[in-house]
Every structure is written in structure tokens, then in C-alpha cells.
């Protein structure tokens, strides 16, 4: 785990390496998958349970594969003579699990608060701070979930020499976490708030220097109340924008994978597994606290990020 890039909590334990060292088709390919000619079957060549290679039973829905002796009796019995088989992992992925519901944000709260403490006067500050903390904690959970290490660090562009000609805005989990911790997503917010404060100061100075008849005092007070209300609305909008950009960049991680890799390939399906996990956590712990505008913008981004063939296209970054 690269702590200089992703400030992970002390309790975080990276996934254990496989017991053997099989060649993983999910690793960054030497030959770009988007130029391949159907040479991949879409599954990894190591057992999801023990990490060893050998004779494997491949899932038809996800990239996981298993030794028959590594599966439970019920899972092995479900094989029968069916032409389509979903592995135990997919059956678990199909419903919300207890660990999808316990994202509280408490582990990340102190880290996120550092860059937002000066904006604690913003409307709904505490609620939105917790949302950002939950998102950070969710990303750490994704790293620790199946295939999360595949998207943890930047793509090796020396191995994939054409990657940057296909993907215009690279993104990965570690970079996303770092940007969230070091305040990148709040810089635009800071610019917005400074501009708003300048406008307020100009209005205050203009009011002080002007001479108003006594009968206009009430109008001046109303104007100040309206100005304060507008300031609160703008500050809340700035916080909502920060939340949107974090979730948008999370979508970008998978969009880039879908763009560069062949549909149906192992790494393509890994991104799908990760995205499904994220959606379950969001539904369980985050979406109820998102403004409708933010949810709509994320949904629109996800929809716009795919063309008619289901391949993601790149959208300009911040």
C-alpha cells in the first residue's frame, strides 16, 4: 500500500498475495486488450479461493474461477450440467451484504475535516462532511474487495504504451483518495467561496458609504437578509459540487477500464464487479444523504459515459 499516495488507516490490510504465482490475465496486459482479437476467455487463471492455478471452473458472469475442491458442497452441486453457471461470489454480489451497510465515515472523518474546517459555517456542513468521509471509506473498502488492487494504482503506461492515446484522463483509487485528502476537490469550492466573500464585502462597503433616508432602513435590512440567504445557498452548492466531482472521478476509474479493455475481458469484468459493489454501498449508506441534483448529475454522467455499444467515453476532468 502506497501511503504517500493513499492515506490509508492503520487498520487497513491489503489483500494477501496468492499462494503461488500464476500468470494473471487481469494484470496490465503486454498487448492492449482493446486491440486483441478475442484471445481471452474473460476469466482469471487462478482460484479465487486459494490463489493457485490448475484445473479451474470458470464463472459465466464474472472473472472469478475456482478449483472444484475449493468450493463448498452446495456450490459444487450447483454446477450439474448447466450451460450457464454463476459462482458463489456472484450470488453474494447479487444482494446487499452486511458489510455494504456498515460504512459510517468515522474512520475517514478527521482526514476529510482538515480541508473543510474553515467552511464549517456552510449550510448542512456536518451532513456533507460525513458524506465525503463515507465516500473515502467506501473507496478503501473497494480496494480491499475482490479485484480492488487492480484499480488501486495508476496504469503502467510504460507497459501499455498506447494507454494515454486512448484514455485522456487517467484515474485510480489511490489518486482519488489522495485528491480527497489533500483538498483538490475543495479548491474550486474555495475559489467560489472567496468570490462570494468579496461580493459580500463590496455590498457591505457600498451600504456603509451610502446615506439612506430613515424610511429605507427596513429595505436595507431585507436586502442583507436576502444576501445572506444567497451566500448560504452558494456555500451549500459548493459543497455539493465537491461531492459530485469525487463520485464522478470514481465512475471515471471504471469508464477508463471499459474504454481501454475489450468488453468481456477479465479486467473489464473486474471493473463491473467493483462498480456493482460500489452501487450497493451507495444505496445502503450514501445515496439517502445526496441531494437529488447530485444524484441526477452522477446518473447523467454514467449514462453519457457510454456509447451505444456500452463502451465508456472520456469526459473532461476538472
Protein backbone atom coordinates (compact mmCIF):
# COMPACT_ATOMS: atom_id res chain seq x y z
CA UNK A 1 0.00 0.00 0.00
CA UNK A 2 1.46 3.32 -1.04
CA UNK A 3 0.82 5.56 1.95
CA UNK A 4 2.36 8.56 0.19
CA UNK A 5 -0.45 8.37 -2.36
CA UNK A 6 -3.38 6.95 -0.44
CA UNK A 7 -3.56 7.80 3.24
CA UNK A 8 -4.98 4.52 4.44
CA UNK A 9 -5.98 3.94 8.06
CA UNK A 10 -3.60 1.92 10.22
CA UNK A 11 -6.16 -0.88 10.38
CA UNK A 12 -6.20 -1.33 6.61
CA UNK A 13 -4.68 -4.62 5.48
CA UNK A 14 -4.01 -5.11 1.75
CA UNK A 15 -5.23 -8.30 0.11
CA UNK A 16 -2.93 -11.26 0.66
CA UNK A 17 -0.94 -12.39 -2.41
CA UNK A 18 -1.79 -15.74 -3.97
CA UNK A 19 -0.06 -18.78 -2.56
CA UNK A 20 1.56 -19.46 -5.93
CA UNK A 21 2.49 -17.06 -8.65
CA UNK A 22 0.26 -17.87 -11.61
CA UNK A 23 0.13 -15.61 -14.63
CA UNK A 24 -2.85 -13.36 -14.11
CA UNK A 25 -4.68 -12.31 -17.24
CA UNK A 26 -6.14 -9.49 -15.18
CA UNK A 27 -2.78 -7.81 -14.83
CA UNK A 28 -1.94 -4.89 -17.08
CA UNK A 29 -1.60 -6.65 -20.44
CA UNK A 30 1.54 -6.53 -22.54
CA UNK A 31 -0.68 -6.38 -25.59
CA UNK A 32 -3.54 -3.86 -25.18
CA UNK A 33 -6.80 -5.74 -24.84
CA UNK A 34 -8.71 -3.26 -26.96
CA UNK A 35 -6.57 -4.40 -29.92
CA UNK A 36 -6.86 -8.11 -29.18
CA UNK A 37 -8.75 -10.49 -31.38
CA UNK A 38 -10.88 -12.49 -28.99
CA UNK A 39 -7.90 -14.25 -27.43
CA UNK A 40 -9.18 -14.01 -23.86
CA UNK A 41 -11.91 -16.08 -22.23
CA UNK A 42 -12.79 -13.45 -19.63
CA UNK A 43 -11.67 -15.32 -16.52
CA UNK A 44 -8.57 -15.22 -14.37
CA UNK A 45 -6.35 -18.28 -14.33
CA UNK A 46 -6.03 -18.70 -10.57
CA UNK A 47 -8.50 -19.96 -7.98
CA UNK A 48 -10.40 -17.17 -6.27
CA UNK A 49 -10.39 -19.17 -3.04
CA UNK A 50 -6.79 -20.38 -2.69
CA UNK A 51 -4.93 -18.27 -5.26
CA UNK A 52 -3.34 -21.28 -7.00
CA UNK A 53 -3.52 -22.16 -10.68
CA UNK A 54 -4.61 -25.54 -12.03
CA UNK A 55 -7.80 -27.01 -13.43
CA UNK A 56 -10.41 -24.35 -12.81
CA UNK A 57 -14.16 -23.94 -13.11
CA UNK A 58 -14.90 -20.53 -14.61
CA UNK A 59 -17.86 -18.35 -13.74
CA UNK A 60 -20.01 -17.29 -16.69
CA UNK A 61 -20.92 -13.92 -15.15
CA UNK A 62 -17.69 -12.60 -13.60
CA UNK A 63 -13.93 -13.20 -13.97
CA UNK A 64 -13.67 -15.46 -10.92
CA UNK A 65 -12.57 -19.10 -11.24
CA UNK A 66 -12.42 -21.92 -8.70
CA UNK A 67 -10.98 -25.35 -8.10
CA UNK A 68 -13.82 -27.80 -7.63
CA UNK A 69 -12.34 -28.90 -4.30
CA UNK A 70 -12.16 -25.28 -3.09
CA UNK A 71 -15.90 -24.76 -3.43
CA UNK A 72 -18.48 -25.65 -0.85
CA UNK A 73 -20.58 -28.77 -1.38
CA UNK A 74 -23.62 -26.67 -2.31
CA UNK A 75 -21.65 -24.60 -4.82
CA UNK A 76 -20.16 -27.70 -6.41
CA UNK A 77 -23.60 -29.33 -6.58
CA UNK A 78 -24.99 -26.27 -8.37
CA UNK A 79 -22.69 -26.98 -11.32
CA UNK A 80 -24.69 -30.02 -12.52
CA UNK A 81 -24.98 -29.95 -16.29
CA UNK A 82 -26.00 -26.32 -16.64
CA UNK A 83 -24.55 -24.40 -19.57
CA UNK A 84 -24.55 -21.17 -17.54
CA UNK A 85 -23.03 -21.10 -14.07
CA UNK A 86 -22.80 -18.28 -11.56
CA UNK A 87 -20.14 -18.64 -8.92
CA UNK A 88 -20.65 -18.20 -5.15
CA UNK A 89 -19.16 -14.71 -5.41
CA UNK A 90 -21.80 -13.63 -7.93
CA UNK A 91 -24.59 -14.99 -5.79
CA UNK A 92 -23.27 -12.90 -2.91
CA UNK A 93 -22.84 -9.88 -5.19
CA UNK A 94 -26.49 -10.13 -6.16
CA UNK A 95 -27.78 -8.83 -2.83
CA UNK A 96 -26.78 -6.25 -0.25
CA UNK A 97 -24.47 -7.78 2.37
CA UNK A 98 -23.88 -6.68 5.99
CA UNK A 99 -20.51 -5.15 5.07
CA UNK A 100 -22.27 -2.98 2.49
CA UNK A 101 -24.28 -1.35 5.26
CA UNK A 102 -21.62 -0.50 7.84
CA UNK A 103 -19.86 2.40 6.11
CA UNK A 104 -20.05 5.15 8.74
CA UNK A 105 -17.28 7.51 7.62
CA UNK A 106 -15.89 7.72 11.15
CA UNK A 107 -12.51 6.27 10.12
CA UNK A 108 -12.03 8.99 7.50
CA UNK A 109 -13.69 11.92 9.25
CA UNK A 110 -10.54 13.50 10.69
CA UNK A 111 -8.71 13.31 7.36
CA UNK A 112 -11.54 14.93 5.40
CA UNK A 113 -12.21 17.56 8.06
CA UNK A 114 -8.72 19.06 7.73
CA UNK A 115 -9.52 20.74 4.40
CA UNK A 116 -13.10 21.70 5.27
CA UNK A 117 -12.82 23.04 8.81
CA UNK A 118 -12.74 26.65 7.55
CA UNK A 119 -16.12 26.16 5.88
CA UNK A 120 -17.97 24.92 8.94
CA UNK A 121 -20.38 27.87 8.62
CA UNK A 122 -21.77 26.41 5.38
CA UNK A 123 -25.31 25.13 5.39
CA UNK A 124 -25.57 21.41 6.19
CA UNK A 125 -21.81 21.34 6.74
CA UNK A 126 -21.79 18.39 9.16
CA UNK A 127 -24.03 16.23 6.98
CA UNK A 128 -21.96 16.83 3.84
CA UNK A 129 -18.70 16.30 5.71
CA UNK A 130 -19.98 12.87 6.72
CA UNK A 131 -20.97 12.10 3.12
CA UNK A 132 -17.44 12.86 1.89
CA UNK A 133 -15.99 10.78 4.73
CA UNK A 134 -18.25 7.86 3.80
CA UNK A 135 -17.15 8.11 0.17
CA UNK A 136 -13.49 7.98 1.21
CA UNK A 137 -14.17 4.97 3.44
CA UNK A 138 -16.10 3.33 0.59
CA UNK A 139 -13.11 3.65 -1.74
CA UNK A 140 -10.88 1.99 0.85
CA UNK A 141 -13.47 -0.79 1.10
CA UNK A 142 -13.43 -1.19 -2.70
CA UNK A 143 -9.64 -1.54 -2.64
CA UNK A 144 -9.99 -4.32 -0.09
CA UNK A 145 -12.79 -6.04 -2.05
CA UNK A 146 -12.39 -8.53 -4.91
CA UNK A 147 -10.10 -7.18 -7.69
CA UNK A 148 -9.78 -3.80 -5.97
CA UNK A 149 -5.98 -3.92 -6.16
CA UNK A 150 -6.30 -3.91 -9.95
CA UNK A 151 -7.60 -0.32 -9.80
CA UNK A 152 -5.63 0.83 -6.78
CA UNK A 153 -2.67 2.42 -8.58
CA UNK A 154 -2.16 4.26 -11.87
CA UNK A 155 -1.92 2.14 -15.02
CA UNK A 156 1.67 1.38 -16.01
CA UNK A 157 1.93 3.45 -19.18
CA UNK A 158 5.38 2.03 -19.92
CA UNK A 159 3.85 -1.42 -20.22
CA UNK A 160 0.74 -0.08 -22.01
CA UNK A 161 2.44 2.41 -24.29
CA UNK A 162 -0.75 3.44 -26.08
CA UNK A 163 -2.84 3.90 -22.93
CA UNK A 164 -2.67 7.69 -22.90
CA UNK A 165 -3.66 7.87 -26.55
CA UNK A 166 -6.89 6.06 -25.68
CA UNK A 167 -7.60 7.33 -22.15
CA UNK A 168 -7.34 11.10 -21.86
CA UNK A 169 -7.98 11.44 -18.13
CA UNK A 170 -6.41 8.58 -16.12
CA UNK A 171 -7.83 7.90 -12.68
CA UNK A 172 -7.31 5.26 -9.99
CA UNK A 173 -8.38 4.69 -6.40
CA UNK A 174 -5.14 5.86 -4.80
CA UNK A 175 -5.09 9.10 -6.76
CA UNK A 176 -8.74 9.67 -5.94
CA UNK A 177 -8.09 9.15 -2.20
CA UNK A 178 -5.07 11.45 -2.32
CA UNK A 179 -7.05 14.18 -4.07
CA UNK A 180 -9.77 13.88 -1.45
CA UNK A 181 -7.30 14.05 1.44
CA UNK A 182 -5.08 16.83 0.06
CA UNK A 183 -8.01 19.09 -0.78
CA UNK A 184 -8.05 19.09 -4.56
CA UNK A 185 -11.81 18.72 -4.69
CA UNK A 186 -12.21 21.70 -2.37
CA UNK A 187 -10.03 24.13 -4.31
CA UNK A 188 -12.83 25.01 -6.68
CA UNK A 189 -15.07 25.36 -3.65
CA UNK A 190 -12.52 27.70 -2.06
CA UNK A 191 -12.44 29.84 -5.20
CA UNK A 192 -16.23 30.05 -5.19
CA UNK A 193 -16.34 30.99 -1.51
CA UNK A 194 -13.65 33.68 -1.87
CA UNK A 195 -15.52 35.26 -4.76
CA UNK A 196 -18.72 35.18 -2.73
CA UNK A 197 -16.99 36.81 0.27
CA UNK A 198 -15.58 39.56 -1.97
CA UNK A 199 -19.05 40.30 -3.33
CA UNK A 200 -20.47 40.43 0.18
CA UNK A 201 -17.71 42.79 1.32
CA UNK A 202 -18.33 45.09 -1.64
CA UNK A 203 -22.04 45.22 -0.82
CA UNK A 204 -21.26 45.97 2.84
CA UNK A 205 -18.87 48.77 1.91
CA UNK A 206 -21.36 50.26 -0.51
CA UNK A 207 -24.07 50.21 2.17
CA UNK A 208 -21.77 51.81 4.75
CA UNK A 209 -20.65 54.61 2.43
CA UNK A 210 -24.16 55.42 1.25
CA UNK A 211 -26.52 57.69 3.08
CA UNK A 212 -30.02 56.21 3.26
CA UNK A 213 -33.13 58.02 4.41
CA UNK A 214 -34.53 56.63 7.65
CA UNK A 215 -37.56 55.20 5.91
CA UNK A 216 -35.29 52.97 3.73
CA UNK A 217 -33.61 51.18 6.66
CA UNK A 218 -36.14 48.36 6.51
CA UNK A 219 -35.41 47.82 2.82
CA UNK A 220 -31.69 47.67 3.59
CA UNK A 221 -32.22 45.03 6.26
CA UNK A 222 -34.28 42.93 3.83
CA UNK A 223 -31.51 43.20 1.24
CA UNK A 224 -28.94 41.99 3.77
CA UNK A 225 -31.15 39.02 4.68
CA UNK A 226 -31.51 38.10 1.01
CA UNK A 227 -27.75 38.45 0.53
CA UNK A 228 -27.07 36.13 3.48
CA UNK A 229 -29.54 33.57 2.16
CA UNK A 230 -27.86 33.65 -1.25
CA UNK A 231 -24.49 33.18 0.44
CA UNK A 232 -25.75 30.10 2.29
CA UNK A 233 -27.16 28.67 -0.93
CA UNK A 234 -23.87 29.21 -2.75
CA UNK A 235 -21.84 27.63 0.06
CA UNK A 236 -24.11 24.58 0.05
CA UNK A 237 -23.84 24.35 -3.73
CA UNK A 238 -20.02 24.45 -3.46
CA UNK A 239 -20.06 21.51 -1.05
CA UNK A 240 -22.43 19.58 -3.31
CA UNK A 241 -20.09 20.19 -6.24
CA UNK A 242 -17.17 18.72 -4.28
CA UNK A 243 -19.24 15.58 -3.57
CA UNK A 244 -20.22 15.32 -7.23
CA UNK A 245 -16.64 15.57 -8.52
CA UNK A 246 -15.44 12.83 -6.17
CA UNK A 247 -18.20 10.44 -7.26
CA UNK A 248 -17.66 11.41 -10.89
CA UNK A 249 -13.97 10.53 -10.71
CA UNK A 250 -14.86 7.21 -9.12
CA UNK A 251 -17.05 6.47 -12.14
CA UNK A 252 -14.14 7.57 -14.33
CA UNK A 253 -11.95 4.75 -12.98
CA UNK A 254 -14.35 2.19 -14.47
CA UNK A 255 -15.13 4.21 -17.58
CA UNK A 256 -11.44 4.25 -18.44
CA UNK A 257 -11.22 0.50 -17.95
CA UNK A 258 -14.24 -0.06 -20.21
CA UNK A 259 -12.74 2.25 -22.82
CA UNK A 260 -9.30 0.67 -22.98
CA UNK A 261 -10.10 -3.01 -22.49
CA UNK A 262 -12.06 -5.39 -24.63
CA UNK A 263 -15.63 -5.97 -23.48
CA UNK A 264 -15.90 -9.36 -21.81
CA UNK A 265 -12.21 -9.49 -20.89
CA UNK A 266 -11.24 -10.37 -17.32
CA UNK A 267 -10.20 -6.85 -16.37
CA UNK A 268 -13.36 -5.39 -17.96
CA UNK A 269 -15.47 -7.72 -15.82
CA UNK A 270 -13.40 -6.85 -12.75
CA UNK A 271 -14.47 -3.23 -13.17
CA UNK A 272 -18.08 -4.40 -13.38
CA UNK A 273 -17.71 -6.36 -10.12
CA UNK A 274 -16.22 -3.31 -8.41
CA UNK A 275 -18.90 -0.99 -9.75
CA UNK A 276 -21.69 -3.29 -8.53
CA UNK A 277 -20.10 -3.33 -5.07
CA UNK A 278 -19.95 0.47 -5.08
CA UNK A 279 -23.59 0.76 -6.08
CA UNK A 280 -24.67 -1.48 -3.20
CA UNK A 281 -22.69 0.59 -0.68
CA UNK A 282 -24.08 3.82 -2.10
CA UNK A 283 -27.64 2.55 -1.90
CA UNK A 284 -27.13 1.35 1.68
CA UNK A 285 -25.11 4.20 3.18
CA UNK A 286 -24.74 7.25 0.96
CA UNK A 287 -27.49 7.94 -1.57
CA UNK A 288 -30.09 8.88 1.06
CA UNK A 289 -27.85 11.82 2.04
CA UNK A 290 -27.14 13.03 -1.50
CA UNK A 291 -29.16 15.94 -2.90
CA UNK A 292 -31.32 14.93 -5.84
CA UNK A 293 -29.33 17.27 -8.08
CA UNK A 294 -26.07 15.47 -7.29
CA UNK A 295 -27.60 12.03 -7.86
CA UNK A 296 -29.02 13.15 -11.19
CA UNK A 297 -25.69 14.60 -12.32
CA UNK A 298 -23.89 11.35 -11.44
CA UNK A 299 -26.53 9.27 -13.23
CA UNK A 300 -26.32 11.55 -16.27
CA UNK A 301 -22.54 11.26 -16.26
CA UNK A 302 -22.68 7.47 -16.08
CA UNK A 303 -25.24 7.37 -18.90
CA UNK A 304 -23.35 9.84 -21.08
CA UNK A 305 -20.13 7.94 -20.44
CA UNK A 306 -21.34 5.05 -22.57
CA UNK A 307 -21.99 4.90 -26.27
CA UNK A 308 -24.43 2.54 -27.99
CA UNK A 309 -22.06 -0.43 -27.63
CA UNK A 310 -21.71 0.08 -23.87
CA UNK A 311 -18.12 1.34 -24.09
CA UNK A 312 -17.30 4.33 -21.94
CA UNK A 313 -16.15 7.60 -23.46
CA UNK A 314 -14.00 10.18 -21.73
CA UNK A 315 -15.41 13.34 -20.22
CA UNK A 316 -13.18 16.31 -19.47
CA UNK A 317 -11.83 16.41 -15.92
CA UNK A 318 -11.83 19.36 -13.53
